[in-house]
Amino acid sequence: MADYFTRFSCLLDVGTPDKAARAFEAFMALRNDSYAATEDLHCGFDLSIQNDPSGSTLWIRDNENGDVEAVICFVLRLAEELDLAGLWGFSFALTCSRPRIEAFGGGAHVIDLGARKSIGWTSTQDWLTAALNGEGAHA
């Protein structure tokens, strides 16, 4: 039997150490709600504050099998609560514990933090299918 995984690791600079602390509190509340509701120690991703000089950068990463949609929802929530602006994005990988046809791929998402919405995404599997059908093979 094969196991399928979604993997990612990305940084989000929220501007100040205070905002980073508030973001971490929001994450812990989300995690605690997830634990209470399902008793499953999984809310789709892990988060920590980087030990950079400013202390304002969040490290968002999968916890063995990440949830891309959970990250997007959380970052959009942070954008609203912390009044974030600018573009932010991350990429992800789809992988499998055994060789399987169409089990590997990935993609990327771009979010406009100020507008509080996702503005674009791509899937390597969709791109490959389109390219093989002659629908623009340029990246």
C-alpha atoms as a PDB file:
ATOM      1  CA  MET A   1       0.000   0.000   0.000  1.00  0.00           C
ATOM      2  CA  ALA A   2       1.271   3.471  -0.837  1.00  0.00           C
ATOM      3  CA  ASP A   3       1.076   6.553   1.355  1.00  0.00           C
ATOM      4  CA  TYR A   4       0.542   9.949  -0.267  1.00  0.00           C
ATOM      5  CA  PHE A   5       1.979  13.192   1.139  1.00  0.00           C
ATOM      6  CA  THR A   6       1.727  16.932   0.585  1.00  0.00           C
ATOM      7  CA  ARG A   7       4.949  18.688   1.607  1.00  0.00           C
ATOM      8  CA  PHE A   8       5.801  22.395   1.939  1.00  0.00           C
ATOM      9  CA  SER A   9       8.022  24.782   3.876  1.00  0.00           C
ATOM     10  CA  CYS A  10       7.729  28.562   3.571  1.00  0.00           C
ATOM     11  CA  LEU A  11       8.274  31.851   5.403  1.00  0.00           C
ATOM     12  CA  LEU A  12       5.836  34.697   6.051  1.00  0.00           C
ATOM     13  CA  ASP A  13       7.161  37.983   7.429  1.00  0.00           C
ATOM     14  CA  VAL A  14       4.338  39.659   9.359  1.00  0.00           C
ATOM     15  CA  GLY A  15       6.314  42.849  10.039  1.00  0.00           C
ATOM     16  CA  THR A  16       6.840  42.988  13.809  1.00  0.00           C
ATOM     17  CA  PRO A  17       7.564  40.634  16.719  1.00  0.00           C
ATOM     18  CA  ASP A  18       4.194  41.605  18.232  1.00  0.00           C
ATOM     19  CA  LYS A  19       2.351  40.525  15.091  1.00  0.00           C
ATOM     20  CA  ALA A  20       4.377  37.294  15.002  1.00  0.00           C
ATOM     21  CA  ALA A  21       3.356  36.566  18.607  1.00  0.00           C
ATOM     22  CA  ARG A  22      -0.300  37.280  17.773  1.00  0.00           C
ATOM     23  CA  ALA A  23      -0.050  34.992  14.721  1.00  0.00           C
ATOM     24  CA  PHE A  24       1.414  32.220  16.868  1.00  0.00           C
ATOM     25  CA  GLU A  25      -1.419  32.644  19.404  1.00  0.00           C
ATOM     26  CA  ALA A  26      -3.957  32.380  16.570  1.00  0.00           C
ATOM     27  CA  PHE A  27      -2.220  29.225  15.346  1.00  0.00           C
ATOM     28  CA  MET A  28      -2.270  27.663  18.825  1.00  0.00           C
ATOM     29  CA  ALA A  29      -5.995  28.481  19.152  1.00  0.00           C
ATOM     30  CA  LEU A  30      -6.615  26.818  15.778  1.00  0.00           C
ATOM     31  CA  ARG A  31      -4.567  23.808  16.809  1.00  0.00           C
ATOM     32  CA  ASN A  32      -6.368  23.524  20.154  1.00  0.00           C
ATOM     33  CA  ASP A  33      -9.772  23.761  18.420  1.00  0.00           C
ATOM     34  CA  SER A  34      -8.640  21.052  16.006  1.00  0.00           C
ATOM     35  CA  TYR A  35      -7.492  18.836  18.896  1.00  0.00           C
ATOM     36  CA  ALA A  36     -10.738  19.304  20.799  1.00  0.00           C
ATOM     37  CA  ALA A  37     -12.896  18.605  17.775  1.00  0.00           C
ATOM     38  CA  THR A  38     -11.123  15.514  16.491  1.00  0.00           C
ATOM     39  CA  GLU A  39      -8.514  14.479  19.043  1.00  0.00           C
ATOM     40  CA  ASP A  40      -6.242  14.314  16.008  1.00  0.00           C
ATOM     41  CA  LEU A  41      -2.997  16.225  16.525  1.00  0.00           C
ATOM     42  CA  HIS A  42      -3.217  17.771  13.065  1.00  0.00           C
ATOM     43  CA  CYS A  43      -4.437  21.131  11.838  1.00  0.00           C
ATOM     44  CA  GLY A  44      -2.810  20.852   8.419  1.00  0.00           C
ATOM     45  CA  PHE A  45       0.547  22.446   9.165  1.00  0.00           C
ATOM     46  CA  ASP A  46       3.045  23.489  11.832  1.00  0.00           C
ATOM     47  CA  LEU A  47       4.122  27.029  12.598  1.00  0.00           C
ATOM     48  CA  SER A  48       6.934  28.625  14.578  1.00  0.00           C
ATOM     49  CA  ILE A  49       8.539  32.051  14.864  1.00  0.00           C
ATOM     50  CA  GLN A  50      11.987  32.174  13.276  1.00  0.00           C
ATOM     51  CA  ASN A  51      14.904  33.356  15.372  1.00  0.00           C
ATOM     52  CA  ASP A  52      15.796  36.048  12.883  1.00  0.00           C
ATOM     53  CA  PRO A  53      16.997  39.503  14.024  1.00  0.00           C
ATOM     54  CA  SER A  54      13.512  41.030  13.784  1.00  0.00           C
ATOM     55  CA  GLY A  55      11.570  38.080  15.182  1.00  0.00           C
ATOM     56  CA  SER A  56       8.751  38.809  12.735  1.00  0.00           C
ATOM     57  CA  THR A  57       9.066  35.833  10.385  1.00  0.00           C
ATOM     58  CA  LEU A  58       6.826  32.787  10.641  1.00  0.00           C
ATOM     59  CA  TRP A  59       7.977  29.408   9.408  1.00  0.00           C
ATOM     60  CA  ILE A  60       5.002  27.467   8.034  1.00  0.00           C
ATOM     61  CA  ARG A  61       5.608  23.823   7.158  1.00  0.00           C
ATOM     62  CA  ASP A  62       3.851  20.524   6.727  1.00  0.00           C
ATOM     63  CA  ASN A  63       3.619  18.114   9.623  1.00  0.00           C
ATOM     64  CA  GLU A  64       4.258  14.964   7.568  1.00  0.00           C
ATOM     65  CA  ASN A  65       1.188  15.515   5.399  1.00  0.00           C
ATOM     66  CA  GLY A  66       0.256  19.153   4.972  1.00  0.00           C
ATOM     67  CA  ASP A  67      -3.008  20.793   4.033  1.00  0.00           C
ATOM     68  CA  VAL A  68      -2.464  23.518   1.423  1.00  0.00           C
ATOM     69  CA  GLU A  69      -5.999  24.882   1.835  1.00  0.00           C
ATOM     70  CA  ALA A  70      -5.534  25.164   5.612  1.00  0.00           C
ATOM     71  CA  VAL A  71      -2.409  27.281   5.067  1.00  0.00           C
ATOM     72  CA  ILE A  72      -4.233  29.553   2.614  1.00  0.00           C
ATOM     73  CA  CYS A  73      -7.183  30.028   4.988  1.00  0.00           C
ATOM     74  CA  PHE A  74      -4.883  30.720   7.936  1.00  0.00           C
ATOM     75  CA  VAL A  75      -2.750  33.247   6.033  1.00  0.00           C
ATOM     76  CA  LEU A  76      -5.870  35.040   4.763  1.00  0.00           C
ATOM     77  CA  ARG A  77      -7.122  35.189   8.361  1.00  0.00           C
ATOM     78  CA  LEU A  78      -3.777  36.623   9.489  1.00  0.00           C
ATOM     79  CA  ALA A  79      -3.877  39.164   6.664  1.00  0.00           C
ATOM     80  CA  GLU A  80      -7.196  40.431   8.031  1.00  0.00           C
ATOM     81  CA  GLU A  81      -6.314  40.314  11.730  1.00  0.00           C
ATOM     82  CA  LEU A  82      -2.807  41.769  11.363  1.00  0.00           C
ATOM     83  CA  ASP A  83      -3.549  44.136   8.466  1.00  0.00           C
ATOM     84  CA  LEU A  84      -0.931  42.575   6.197  1.00  0.00           C
ATOM     85  CA  ALA A  85      -0.307  43.832   2.662  1.00  0.00           C
ATOM     86  CA  GLY A  86       1.657  42.797  -0.397  1.00  0.00           C
ATOM     87  CA  LEU A  87       1.972  39.554  -2.299  1.00  0.00           C
ATOM     88  CA  TRP A  88       2.899  36.275  -0.642  1.00  0.00           C
ATOM     89  CA  GLY A  89       3.114  32.779  -1.987  1.00  0.00           C
ATOM     90  CA  PHE A  90       4.373  29.282  -1.456  1.00  0.00           C
ATOM     91  CA  SER A  91       4.952  26.087  -3.367  1.00  0.00           C
ATOM     92  CA  PHE A  92       4.157  22.528  -2.411  1.00  0.00           C
ATOM     93  CA  ALA A  93       5.093  19.019  -3.477  1.00  0.00           C
ATOM     94  CA  LEU A  94       2.860  16.006  -3.900  1.00  0.00           C
ATOM     95  CA  THR A  95       4.727  12.799  -3.265  1.00  0.00           C
ATOM     96  CA  CYS A  96       4.179   9.130  -2.586  1.00  0.00           C
ATOM     97  CA  SER A  97       5.933   6.450  -0.554  1.00  0.00           C
ATOM     98  CA  ARG A  98       5.992   4.106  -3.588  1.00  0.00           C
ATOM     99  CA  PRO A  99       6.334   4.642  -7.315  1.00  0.00           C
ATOM    100  CA  ARG A 100       2.823   5.212  -8.684  1.00  0.00           C
ATOM    101  CA  ILE A 101       1.610   6.666 -11.960  1.00  0.00           C
ATOM    102  CA  GLU A 102       0.469  10.297 -11.521  1.00  0.00           C
ATOM    103  CA  ALA A 103       1.318  10.222  -7.791  1.00  0.00           C
ATOM    104  CA  PHE A 104       3.948  12.969  -7.966  1.00  0.00           C
ATOM    105  CA  GLY A 105       3.591  16.646  -8.718  1.00  0.00           C
ATOM    106  CA  GLY A 106       3.109  19.922  -6.976  1.00  0.00           C
ATOM    107  CA  GLY A 107       2.040  23.470  -7.395  1.00  0.00           C
ATOM    108  CA  ALA A 108       2.139  26.998  -6.032  1.00  0.00           C
ATOM    109  CA  HIS A 109      -0.280  29.623  -4.725  1.00  0.00           C
ATOM    110  CA  VAL A 110      -0.031  33.428  -4.699  1.00  0.00           C
ATOM    111  CA  ILE A 111      -2.065  35.501  -2.244  1.00  0.00           C
ATOM    112  CA  ASP A 112      -2.683  39.251  -2.277  1.00  0.00           C
ATOM    113  CA  LEU A 113      -2.572  39.911   1.464  1.00  0.00           C
ATOM    114  CA  GLY A 114      -3.992  43.436   1.156  1.00  0.00           C
ATOM    115  CA  ALA A 115      -6.948  42.324  -0.959  1.00  0.00           C
ATOM    116  CA  ARG A 116      -7.365  39.245   1.285  1.00  0.00           C
ATOM    117  CA  LYS A 117      -7.661  36.819  -1.614  1.00  0.00           C
ATOM    118  CA  SER A 118      -5.845  34.179  -3.593  1.00  0.00           C
ATOM    119  CA  ILE A 119      -4.890  35.647  -6.959  1.00  0.00           C
ATOM    120  CA  GLY A 120      -3.307  32.690  -8.678  1.00  0.00           C
ATOM    121  CA  TRP A 121      -2.189  29.122  -8.513  1.00  0.00           C
ATOM    122  CA  THR A 122      -0.623  26.491 -10.682  1.00  0.00           C
ATOM    123  CA  SER A 123      -0.466  22.722 -10.698  1.00  0.00           C
ATOM    124  CA  THR A 124       2.389  20.842 -12.317  1.00  0.00           C
ATOM    125  CA  GLN A 125       0.010  18.059 -13.286  1.00  0.00           C
ATOM    126  CA  ASP A 126      -2.367  20.497 -15.027  1.00  0.00           C
ATOM    127  CA  TRP A 127       0.573  22.231 -16.728  1.00  0.00           C
ATOM    128  CA  LEU A 128       1.972  18.921 -17.989  1.00  0.00           C
ATOM    129  CA  THR A 129      -1.393  17.801 -19.359  1.00  0.00           C
ATOM    130  CA  ALA A 130      -1.867  21.132 -21.159  1.00  0.00           C
ATOM    131  CA  ALA A 131       1.686  21.095 -22.524  1.00  0.00           C
ATOM    132  CA  LEU A 132       1.283  17.553 -23.859  1.00  0.00           C
ATOM    133  CA  ASN A 133      -1.942  18.662 -25.554  1.00  0.00           C
ATOM    134  CA  GLY A 134      -0.086  21.545 -27.231  1.00  0.00           C
ATOM    135  CA  GLU A 135      -1.730  24.220 -25.094  1.00  0.00           C
ATOM    136  CA  GLY A 136       1.342  26.307 -24.289  1.00  0.00           C
ATOM    137  CA  ALA A 137       4.341  24.451 -22.924  1.00  0.00           C
ATOM    138  CA  HIS A 138       6.117  27.598 -21.738  1.00  0.00           C
ATOM    139  CA  ALA A 139       6.525  28.091 -18.019  1.00  0.00           C
END
